[in-house]
Amino acid sequence: MDKGESPILAILGGAKVSSKITIIESLLDKIDHLIIGGG
C-alpha cells in the first residue's frame, strides 16, 4: 500500500462487487493494474 515497487498489481476475486467497492476505491490510488476475477 505504501512502499510497493511499480508496477503494482492487485488481483481481486470473490462473488460480489458490493463487498469490494471500498477496497477497489482505496487501491486505485496505490496500484497500476487491477485484475478482476470471480463472480
PDB file of all heavy atoms in Angstrom:
ATOM      1  N   MET A   1       0.798  -1.231   0.000  1.00  0.00           N
ATOM      2  CA  MET A   1       0.000   0.000   0.000  1.00  0.00           C
ATOM      3  C   MET A   1       0.829   1.278   0.000  1.00  0.00           C
ATOM      4  O   MET A   1       0.382   2.314  -0.491  1.00  0.00           O
ATOM      5  CB  MET A   1      -0.925  -0.002   1.222  1.00  0.00           C
ATOM      6  CG  MET A   1      -1.922  -1.146   1.250  1.00  0.00           C
ATOM      7  SD  MET A   1      -3.128  -1.082  -0.085  1.00  0.00           S
ATOM      8  CE  MET A   1      -4.260   0.162   0.551  1.00  0.00           C
ATOM      9  N   ASP A   2       2.022   1.229   0.567  1.00  0.00           N
ATOM     10  CA  ASP A   2       2.801   2.467   0.718  1.00  0.00           C
ATOM     11  C   ASP A   2       4.190   2.417   0.104  1.00  0.00           C
ATOM     12  O   ASP A   2       4.734   3.445  -0.286  1.00  0.00           O
ATOM     13  CB  ASP A   2       2.935   2.820   2.214  1.00  0.00           C
ATOM     14  CG  ASP A   2       1.589   3.013   2.886  1.00  0.00           C
ATOM     15  OD1 ASP A   2       0.711   3.642   2.268  1.00  0.00           O
ATOM     16  OD2 ASP A   2       1.411   2.515   4.005  1.00  0.00           O
ATOM     17  N   LYS A   3       4.779   1.236   0.044  1.00  0.00           N
ATOM     18  CA  LYS A   3       6.185   1.157  -0.372  1.00  0.00           C
ATOM     19  C   LYS A   3       6.404   0.193  -1.527  1.00  0.00           C
ATOM     20  O   LYS A   3       7.518  -0.260  -1.757  1.00  0.00           O
ATOM     21  CB  LYS A   3       7.049   0.736   0.824  1.00  0.00           C
ATOM     22  CG  LYS A   3       6.957   1.701   2.013  1.00  0.00           C
ATOM     23  CD  LYS A   3       7.668   1.137   3.232  1.00  0.00           C
ATOM     24  CE  LYS A   3       7.498   2.082   4.416  1.00  0.00           C
ATOM     25  NZ  LYS A   3       8.072   1.522   5.670  1.00  0.00           N
ATOM     26  N   GLY A   4       5.333  -0.150  -2.235  1.00  0.00           N
ATOM     27  CA  GLY A   4       5.441  -1.132  -3.308  1.00  0.00           C
ATOM     28  C   GLY A   4       6.239  -0.626  -4.500  1.00  0.00           C
ATOM     29  O   GLY A   4       6.131   0.532  -4.887  1.00  0.00           O
ATOM     30  N   GLU A   5       7.033  -1.536  -5.076  1.00  0.00           N
ATOM     31  CA  GLU A   5       7.787  -1.202  -6.293  1.00  0.00           C
ATOM     32  C   GLU A   5       6.867  -1.354  -7.503  1.00  0.00           C
ATOM     33  O   GLU A   5       6.165  -2.360  -7.640  1.00  0.00           O
ATOM     34  CB  GLU A   5       8.995  -2.138  -6.419  1.00  0.00           C
ATOM     35  CG  GLU A   5       9.876  -1.826  -7.610  1.00  0.00           C
ATOM     36  CD  GLU A   5      11.051  -2.786  -7.760  1.00  0.00           C
ATOM     37  OE1 GLU A   5      11.287  -3.600  -6.834  1.00  0.00           O
ATOM     38  OE2 GLU A   5      11.708  -2.736  -8.813  1.00  0.00           O
ATOM     39  N   SER A   6       6.837  -0.362  -8.355  1.00  0.00           N
ATOM     40  CA  SER A   6       5.973  -0.399  -9.544  1.00  0.00           C
ATOM     41  C   SER A   6       6.577  -1.297 -10.619  1.00  0.00           C
ATOM     42  O   SER A   6       7.798  -1.474 -10.673  1.00  0.00           O
ATOM     43  CB  SER A   6       5.791   1.015 -10.093  1.00  0.00           C
ATOM     44  OG  SER A   6       5.023   1.792  -9.192  1.00  0.00           O
ATOM     45  N   PRO A   7       5.736  -1.840 -11.492  1.00  0.00           N
ATOM     46  CA  PRO A   7       4.270  -1.750 -11.498  1.00  0.00           C
ATOM     47  C   PRO A   7       3.642  -2.570 -10.364  1.00  0.00           C
ATOM     48  O   PRO A   7       4.104  -3.656 -10.059  1.00  0.00           O
ATOM     49  CB  PRO A   7       3.881  -2.312 -12.871  1.00  0.00           C
ATOM     50  CG  PRO A   7       5.144  -2.373 -13.684  1.00  0.00           C
ATOM     51  CD  PRO A   7       6.238  -2.553 -12.692  1.00  0.00           C
ATOM     52  N   ILE A   8       2.590  -2.011  -9.771  1.00  0.00           N
ATOM     53  CA  ILE A   8       1.876  -2.669  -8.677  1.00  0.00           C
ATOM     54  C   ILE A   8       0.548  -3.211  -9.204  1.00  0.00           C
ATOM     55  O   ILE A   8      -0.203  -2.498  -9.857  1.00  0.00           O
ATOM     56  CB  ILE A   8       1.616  -1.689  -7.516  1.00  0.00           C
ATOM     57  CG1 ILE A   8       2.950  -1.112  -7.005  1.00  0.00           C
ATOM     58  CG2 ILE A   8       0.871  -2.386  -6.377  1.00  0.00           C
ATOM     59  CD1 ILE A   8       2.787  -0.013  -5.974  1.00  0.00           C
ATOM     60  N   LEU A   9       0.290  -4.468  -8.904  1.00  0.00           N
ATOM     61  CA  LEU A   9      -0.911  -5.154  -9.384  1.00  0.00           C
ATOM     62  C   LEU A   9      -1.746  -5.656  -8.214  1.00  0.00           C
ATOM     63  O   LEU A   9      -1.212  -6.229  -7.270  1.00  0.00           O
ATOM     64  CB  LEU A   9      -0.501  -6.346 -10.258  1.00  0.00           C
ATOM     65  CG  LEU A   9      -1.555  -7.429 -10.545  1.00  0.00           C
ATOM     66  CD1 LEU A   9      -2.670  -6.891 -11.426  1.00  0.00           C
ATOM     67  CD2 LEU A   9      -0.896  -8.653 -11.193  1.00  0.00           C
ATOM     68  N   ALA A  10      -3.032  -5.461  -8.278  1.00  0.00           N
ATOM     69  CA  ALA A  10      -3.974  -6.091  -7.348  1.00  0.00           C
ATOM     70  C   ALA A  10      -4.841  -7.053  -8.144  1.00  0.00           C
ATOM     71  O   ALA A  10      -5.339  -6.711  -9.224  1.00  0.00           O
ATOM     72  CB  ALA A  10      -4.835  -5.054  -6.643  1.00  0.00           C
ATOM     73  N   ILE A  11      -4.994  -8.257  -7.633  1.00  0.00           N
ATOM     74  CA  ILE A  11      -5.891  -9.249  -8.231  1.00  0.00           C
ATOM     75  C   ILE A  11      -7.012  -9.484  -7.237  1.00  0.00           C
ATOM     76  O   ILE A  11      -6.781  -9.989  -6.132  1.00  0.00           O
ATOM     77  CB  ILE A  11      -5.160 -10.580  -8.509  1.00  0.00           C
ATOM     78  CG1 ILE A  11      -3.936 -10.351  -9.395  1.00  0.00           C
ATOM     79  CG2 ILE A  11      -6.104 -11.590  -9.149  1.00  0.00           C
ATOM     80  CD1 ILE A  11      -3.024 -11.566  -9.515  1.00  0.00           C
ATOM     81  N   LEU A  12      -8.209  -9.085  -7.594  1.00  0.00           N
ATOM     82  CA  LEU A  12      -9.353  -9.216  -6.694  1.00  0.00           C
ATOM     83  C   LEU A  12     -10.382 -10.168  -7.283  1.00  0.00           C
ATOM     84  O   LEU A  12     -10.867  -9.963  -8.399  1.00  0.00           O
ATOM     85  CB  LEU A  12     -10.016  -7.852  -6.447  1.00  0.00           C
ATOM     86  CG  LEU A  12      -9.184  -6.789  -5.705  1.00  0.00           C
ATOM     87  CD1 LEU A  12     -10.029  -5.543  -5.471  1.00  0.00           C
ATOM     88  CD2 LEU A  12      -8.657  -7.310  -4.373  1.00  0.00           C
ATOM     89  N   GLY A  13     -10.675 -11.220  -6.528  1.00  0.00           N
ATOM     90  CA  GLY A  13     -11.723 -12.147  -6.921  1.00  0.00           C
ATOM     91  C   GLY A  13     -12.859 -12.075  -5.924  1.00  0.00           C
ATOM     92  O   GLY A  13     -12.981 -11.116  -5.171  1.00  0.00           O
ATOM     93  N   GLY A  14     -13.674 -13.108  -5.922  1.00  0.00           N
ATOM     94  CA  GLY A  14     -14.805 -13.116  -4.993  1.00  0.00           C
ATOM     95  C   GLY A  14     -16.117 -12.985  -5.727  1.00  0.00           C
ATOM     96  O   GLY A  14     -16.164 -12.642  -6.909  1.00  0.00           O
ATOM     97  N   ALA A  15     -17.189 -13.214  -4.991  1.00  0.00           N
ATOM     98  CA  ALA A  15     -18.512 -13.298  -5.617  1.00  0.00           C
ATOM     99  C   ALA A  15     -19.141 -11.949  -5.899  1.00  0.00           C
ATOM    100  O   ALA A  15     -19.774 -11.759  -6.937  1.00  0.00           O
ATOM    101  CB  ALA A  15     -19.446 -14.116  -4.725  1.00  0.00           C
ATOM    102  N   LYS A  16     -18.950 -10.969  -4.991  1.00  0.00           N
ATOM    103  CA  LYS A  16     -19.757  -9.760  -5.073  1.00  0.00           C
ATOM    104  C   LYS A  16     -18.940  -8.475  -5.184  1.00  0.00           C
ATOM    105  O   LYS A  16     -18.005  -8.262  -4.427  1.00  0.00           O
ATOM    106  CB  LYS A  16     -20.672  -9.664  -3.850  1.00  0.00           C
ATOM    107  CG  LYS A  16     -21.694 -10.797  -3.772  1.00  0.00           C
ATOM    108  CD  LYS A  16     -22.574 -10.653  -2.537  1.00  0.00           C
ATOM    109  CE  LYS A  16     -23.639 -11.739  -2.487  1.00  0.00           C
ATOM    110  NZ  LYS A  16     -24.506 -11.596  -1.295  1.00  0.00           N
ATOM    111  N   VAL A  17     -19.343  -7.626  -6.117  1.00  0.00           N
ATOM    112  CA  VAL A  17     -18.754  -6.294  -6.241  1.00  0.00           C
ATOM    113  C   VAL A  17     -19.044  -5.478  -4.985  1.00  0.00           C
ATOM    114  O   VAL A  17     -18.194  -4.723  -4.501  1.00  0.00           O
ATOM    115  CB  VAL A  17     -19.333  -5.559  -7.481  1.00  0.00           C
ATOM    116  CG1 VAL A  17     -18.850  -4.107  -7.514  1.00  0.00           C
ATOM    117  CG2 VAL A  17     -18.936  -6.276  -8.761  1.00  0.00           C
ATOM    118  N   SER A  18     -20.241  -5.655  -4.431  1.00  0.00           N
ATOM    119  CA  SER A  18     -20.674  -4.852  -3.287  1.00  0.00           C
ATOM    120  C   SER A  18     -19.720  -4.967  -2.107  1.00  0.00           C
ATOM    121  O   SER A  18     -19.540  -4.016  -1.350  1.00  0.00           O
ATOM    122  CB  SER A  18     -22.080  -5.265  -2.850  1.00  0.00           C
ATOM    123  OG  SER A  18     -22.140  -6.652  -2.581  1.00  0.00           O
ATOM    124  N   SER A  19     -19.081  -6.132  -1.949  1.00  0.00           N
ATOM    125  CA  SER A  19     -18.184  -6.341  -0.806  1.00  0.00           C
ATOM    126  C   SER A  19     -16.778  -5.802  -1.070  1.00  0.00           C
ATOM    127  O   SER A  19     -15.956  -5.756  -0.159  1.00  0.00           O
ATOM    128  CB  SER A  19     -18.100  -7.828  -0.465  1.00  0.00           C
ATOM    129  OG  SER A  19     -17.512  -8.553  -1.527  1.00  0.00           O
ATOM    130  N   LYS A  20     -16.504  -5.407  -2.312  1.00  0.00           N
ATOM    131  CA  LYS A  20     -15.135  -4.980  -2.647  1.00  0.00           C
ATOM    132  C   LYS A  20     -15.036  -3.531  -3.125  1.00  0.00           C
ATOM    133  O   LYS A  20     -13.939  -3.067  -3.448  1.00  0.00           O
ATOM    134  CB  LYS A  20     -14.570  -5.906  -3.745  1.00  0.00           C
ATOM    135  CG  LYS A  20     -14.417  -7.378  -3.344  1.00  0.00           C
ATOM    136  CD  LYS A  20     -13.254  -7.602  -2.404  1.00  0.00           C
ATOM    137  CE  LYS A  20     -13.187  -9.007  -1.849  1.00  0.00           C
ATOM    138  NZ  LYS A  20     -12.649 -10.011  -2.753  1.00  0.00           N
ATOM    139  N   ILE A  21     -16.167  -2.812  -3.174  1.00  0.00           N
ATOM    140  CA  ILE A  21     -16.146  -1.440  -3.703  1.00  0.00           C
ATOM    141  C   ILE A  21     -15.165  -0.556  -2.958  1.00  0.00           C
ATOM    142  O   ILE A  21     -14.315   0.117  -3.562  1.00  0.00           O
ATOM    143  CB  ILE A  21     -17.558  -0.810  -3.666  1.00  0.00           C
ATOM    144  CG1 ILE A  21     -18.430  -1.431  -4.761  1.00  0.00           C
ATOM    145  CG2 ILE A  21     -17.489   0.707  -3.896  1.00  0.00           C
ATOM    146  CD1 ILE A  21     -19.868  -0.983  -4.725  1.00  0.00           C
ATOM    147  N   THR A  22     -15.240  -0.545  -1.619  1.00  0.00           N
ATOM    148  CA  THR A  22     -14.370   0.345  -0.851  1.00  0.00           C
ATOM    149  C   THR A  22     -12.905  -0.050  -0.986  1.00  0.00           C
ATOM    150  O   THR A  22     -12.023   0.809  -0.978  1.00  0.00           O
ATOM    151  CB  THR A  22     -14.774   0.365   0.636  1.00  0.00           C
ATOM    152  OG1 THR A  22     -14.870  -0.976   1.118  1.00  0.00           O
ATOM    153  CG2 THR A  22     -16.109   1.062   0.831  1.00  0.00           C
ATOM    154  N   ILE A  23     -12.646  -1.351  -1.129  1.00  0.00           N
ATOM    155  CA  ILE A  23     -11.266  -1.812  -1.315  1.00  0.00           C
ATOM    156  C   ILE A  23     -10.740  -1.327  -2.665  1.00  0.00           C
ATOM    157  O   ILE A  23      -9.620  -0.800  -2.758  1.00  0.00           O
ATOM    158  CB  ILE A  23     -11.188  -3.347  -1.234  1.00  0.00           C
ATOM    159  CG1 ILE A  23     -11.577  -3.807   0.170  1.00  0.00           C
ATOM    160  CG2 ILE A  23      -9.794  -3.840  -1.596  1.00  0.00           C
ATOM    161  CD1 ILE A  23     -11.745  -5.291   0.303  1.00  0.00           C
ATOM    162  N   ILE A  24     -11.543  -1.504  -3.717  1.00  0.00           N
ATOM    163  CA  ILE A  24     -11.114  -1.061  -5.043  1.00  0.00           C
ATOM    164  C   ILE A  24     -10.852   0.439  -5.046  1.00  0.00           C
ATOM    165  O   ILE A  24      -9.820   0.903  -5.558  1.00  0.00           O
ATOM    166  CB  ILE A  24     -12.168  -1.436  -6.116  1.00  0.00           C
ATOM    167  CG1 ILE A  24     -12.271  -2.959  -6.255  1.00  0.00           C
ATOM    168  CG2 ILE A  24     -11.800  -0.812  -7.464  1.00  0.00           C
ATOM    169  CD1 ILE A  24     -13.394  -3.434  -7.166  1.00  0.00           C
ATOM    170  N   GLU A  25     -11.755   1.198  -4.449  1.00  0.00           N
ATOM    171  CA  GLU A  25     -11.588   2.662  -4.422  1.00  0.00           C
ATOM    172  C   GLU A  25     -10.306   3.052  -3.705  1.00  0.00           C
ATOM    173  O   GLU A  25      -9.590   3.957  -4.134  1.00  0.00           O
ATOM    174  CB  GLU A  25     -12.799   3.324  -3.762  1.00  0.00           C
ATOM    175  CG  GLU A  25     -14.040   3.291  -4.638  1.00  0.00           C
ATOM    176  CD  GLU A  25     -15.246   3.953  -3.987  1.00  0.00           C
ATOM    177  OE1 GLU A  25     -15.275   4.030  -2.733  1.00  0.00           O
ATOM    178  OE2 GLU A  25     -16.160   4.386  -4.713  1.00  0.00           O
ATOM    179  N   SER A  26     -10.006   2.367  -2.603  1.00  0.00           N
ATOM    180  CA  SER A  26      -8.786   2.661  -1.855  1.00  0.00           C
ATOM    181  C   SER A  26      -7.545   2.277  -2.656  1.00  0.00           C
ATOM    182  O   SER A  26      -6.549   3.014  -2.679  1.00  0.00           O
ATOM    183  CB  SER A  26      -8.801   1.904  -0.523  1.00  0.00           C
ATOM    184  OG  SER A  26      -7.618   2.111   0.202  1.00  0.00           O
ATOM    185  N   LEU A  27      -7.610   1.131  -3.342  1.00  0.00           N
ATOM    186  CA  LEU A  27      -6.455   0.641  -4.092  1.00  0.00           C
ATOM    187  C   LEU A  27      -6.138   1.482  -5.328  1.00  0.00           C
ATOM    188  O   LEU A  27      -4.980   1.529  -5.763  1.00  0.00           O
ATOM    189  CB  LEU A  27      -6.688  -0.815  -4.518  1.00  0.00           C
ATOM    190  CG  LEU A  27      -6.600  -1.875  -3.414  1.00  0.00           C
ATOM    191  CD1 LEU A  27      -7.023  -3.235  -3.957  1.00  0.00           C
ATOM    192  CD2 LEU A  27      -5.182  -1.947  -2.861  1.00  0.00           C
ATOM    193  N   LEU A  28      -7.144   2.138  -5.892  1.00  0.00           N
ATOM    194  CA  LEU A  28      -6.924   2.888  -7.134  1.00  0.00           C
ATOM    195  C   LEU A  28      -5.874   3.989  -6.986  1.00  0.00           C
ATOM    196  O   LEU A  28      -5.274   4.417  -7.966  1.00  0.00           O
ATOM    197  CB  LEU A  28      -8.236   3.483  -7.645  1.00  0.00           C
ATOM    198  CG  LEU A  28      -9.245   2.476  -8.210  1.00  0.00           C
ATOM    199  CD1 LEU A  28     -10.520   3.179  -8.668  1.00  0.00           C
ATOM    200  CD2 LEU A  28      -8.647   1.657  -9.355  1.00  0.00           C
ATOM    201  N   ASP A  29      -5.626   4.430  -5.752  1.00  0.00           N
ATOM    202  CA  ASP A  29      -4.597   5.445  -5.516  1.00  0.00           C
ATOM    203  C   ASP A  29      -3.215   4.831  -5.327  1.00  0.00           C
ATOM    204  O   ASP A  29      -2.223   5.552  -5.211  1.00  0.00           O
ATOM    205  CB  ASP A  29      -4.942   6.278  -4.270  1.00  0.00           C
ATOM    206  CG  ASP A  29      -6.114   7.206  -4.511  1.00  0.00           C
ATOM    207  OD1 ASP A  29      -6.227   7.753  -5.625  1.00  0.00           O
ATOM    208  OD2 ASP A  29      -6.944   7.357  -3.590  1.00  0.00           O
ATOM    209  N   LYS A  30      -3.145   3.480  -5.292  1.00  0.00           N
ATOM    210  CA  LYS A  30      -1.884   2.818  -4.946  1.00  0.00           C
ATOM    211  C   LYS A  30      -1.311   1.962  -6.078  1.00  0.00           C
ATOM    212  O   LYS A  30      -0.123   1.678  -6.085  1.00  0.00           O
ATOM    213  CB  LYS A  30      -2.098   1.897  -3.734  1.00  0.00           C
ATOM    214  CG  LYS A  30      -2.865   2.515  -2.573  1.00  0.00           C
ATOM    215  CD  LYS A  30      -2.023   3.448  -1.763  1.00  0.00           C
ATOM    216  CE  LYS A  30      -2.779   3.963  -0.539  1.00  0.00           C
ATOM    217  NZ  LYS A  30      -1.979   4.897   0.263  1.00  0.00           N
ATOM    218  N   ILE A  31      -2.182   1.524  -7.004  1.00  0.00           N
ATOM    219  CA  ILE A  31      -1.781   0.478  -7.943  1.00  0.00           C
ATOM    220  C   ILE A  31      -1.718   0.979  -9.389  1.00  0.00           C
ATOM    221  O   ILE A  31      -2.181   2.066  -9.714  1.00  0.00           O
ATOM    222  CB  ILE A  31      -2.741  -0.725  -7.870  1.00  0.00           C
ATOM    223  CG1 ILE A  31      -4.173  -0.299  -8.273  1.00  0.00           C
ATOM    224  CG2 ILE A  31      -2.732  -1.334  -6.471  1.00  0.00           C
ATOM    225  CD1 ILE A  31      -5.190  -1.438  -8.291  1.00  0.00           C
ATOM    226  N   ASP A  32      -1.127   0.135 -10.245  1.00  0.00           N
ATOM    227  CA  ASP A  32      -1.044   0.429 -11.684  1.00  0.00           C
ATOM    228  C   ASP A  32      -2.007  -0.449 -12.476  1.00  0.00           C
ATOM    229  O   ASP A  32      -2.514  -0.037 -13.523  1.00  0.00           O
ATOM    230  CB  ASP A  32       0.394   0.191 -12.174  1.00  0.00           C
ATOM    231  CG  ASP A  32       1.406   1.030 -11.418  1.00  0.00           C
ATOM    232  OD1 ASP A  32       1.373   2.263 -11.564  1.00  0.00           O
ATOM    233  OD2 ASP A  32       2.207   0.452 -10.650  1.00  0.00           O
ATOM    234  N   HIS A  33      -2.227  -1.683 -11.973  1.00  0.00           N
ATOM    235  CA  HIS A  33      -3.099  -2.637 -12.673  1.00  0.00           C
ATOM    236  C   HIS A  33      -4.055  -3.294 -11.677  1.00  0.00           C
ATOM    237  O   HIS A  33      -3.689  -3.529 -10.521  1.00  0.00           O
ATOM    238  CB  HIS A  33      -2.282  -3.750 -13.344  1.00  0.00           C
ATOM    239  CG  HIS A  33      -1.383  -3.284 -14.440  1.00  0.00           C
ATOM    240  ND1 HIS A  33      -1.805  -3.169 -15.755  1.00  0.00           N
ATOM    241  CD2 HIS A  33      -0.078  -2.893 -14.415  1.00  0.00           C
ATOM    242  CE1 HIS A  33      -0.792  -2.737 -16.495  1.00  0.00           C
ATOM    243  NE2 HIS A  33       0.265  -2.570 -15.708  1.00  0.00           N
ATOM    244  N   LEU A  34      -5.252  -3.614 -12.148  1.00  0.00           N
ATOM    245  CA  LEU A  34      -6.233  -4.348 -11.346  1.00  0.00           C
ATOM    246  C   LEU A  34      -6.846  -5.442 -12.208  1.00  0.00           C
ATOM    247  O   LEU A  34      -7.465  -5.152 -13.239  1.00  0.00           O
ATOM    248  CB  LEU A  34      -7.326  -3.409 -10.828  1.00  0.00           C
ATOM    249  CG  LEU A  34      -8.528  -4.060 -10.127  1.00  0.00           C
ATOM    250  CD1 LEU A  34      -8.093  -4.831  -8.885  1.00  0.00           C
ATOM    251  CD2 LEU A  34      -9.584  -3.019  -9.766  1.00  0.00           C
ATOM    252  N   ILE A  35      -6.631  -6.686 -11.808  1.00  0.00           N
ATOM    253  CA  ILE A  35      -7.289  -7.824 -12.456  1.00  0.00           C
ATOM    254  C   ILE A  35      -8.511  -8.191 -11.621  1.00  0.00           C
ATOM    255  O   ILE A  35      -8.408  -8.374 -10.407  1.00  0.00           O
ATOM    256  CB  ILE A  35      -6.350  -9.040 -12.555  1.00  0.00           C
ATOM    257  CG1 ILE A  35      -5.234  -8.763 -13.573  1.00  0.00           C
ATOM    258  CG2 ILE A  35      -7.129 -10.297 -12.959  1.00  0.00           C
ATOM    259  CD1 ILE A  35      -4.186  -9.875 -13.654  1.00  0.00           C
ATOM    260  N   ILE A  36      -9.652  -8.275 -12.268  1.00  0.00           N
ATOM    261  CA  ILE A  36     -10.892  -8.652 -11.575  1.00  0.00           C
ATOM    262  C   ILE A  36     -11.284 -10.062 -12.007  1.00  0.00           C
ATOM    263  O   ILE A  36     -11.331 -10.374 -13.205  1.00  0.00           O
ATOM    264  CB  ILE A  36     -12.023  -7.651 -11.876  1.00  0.00           C
ATOM    265  CG1 ILE A  36     -11.676  -6.289 -11.246  1.00  0.00           C
ATOM    266  CG2 ILE A  36     -13.357  -8.156 -11.344  1.00  0.00           C
ATOM    267  CD1 ILE A  36     -12.665  -5.196 -11.528  1.00  0.00           C
ATOM    268  N   GLY A  37     -11.530 -10.908 -11.004  1.00  0.00           N
ATOM    269  CA  GLY A  37     -11.916 -12.291 -11.286  1.00  0.00           C
ATOM    270  C   GLY A  37     -13.096 -12.701 -10.428  1.00  0.00           C
ATOM    271  O   GLY A  37     -13.650 -11.903  -9.676  1.00  0.00           O
ATOM    272  N   GLY A  38     -13.479 -13.955 -10.549  1.00  0.00           N
ATOM    273  CA  GLY A  38     -14.572 -14.473  -9.728  1.00  0.00           C
ATOM    274  C   GLY A  38     -15.928 -13.954 -10.168  1.00  0.00           C
ATOM    275  O   GLY A  38     -16.098 -13.367 -11.240  1.00  0.00           O
ATOM    276  N   GLY A  39     -16.907 -14.122  -9.295  1.00  0.00           N
ATOM    277  CA  GLY A  39     -18.285 -13.780  -9.637  1.00  0.00           C
ATOM    278  C   GLY A  39     -18.524 -12.313  -9.898  1.00  0.00           C
ATOM    279  O   GLY A  39     -19.460 -11.951 -10.628  1.00  0.00           O
TER     280      GLY A  39
END
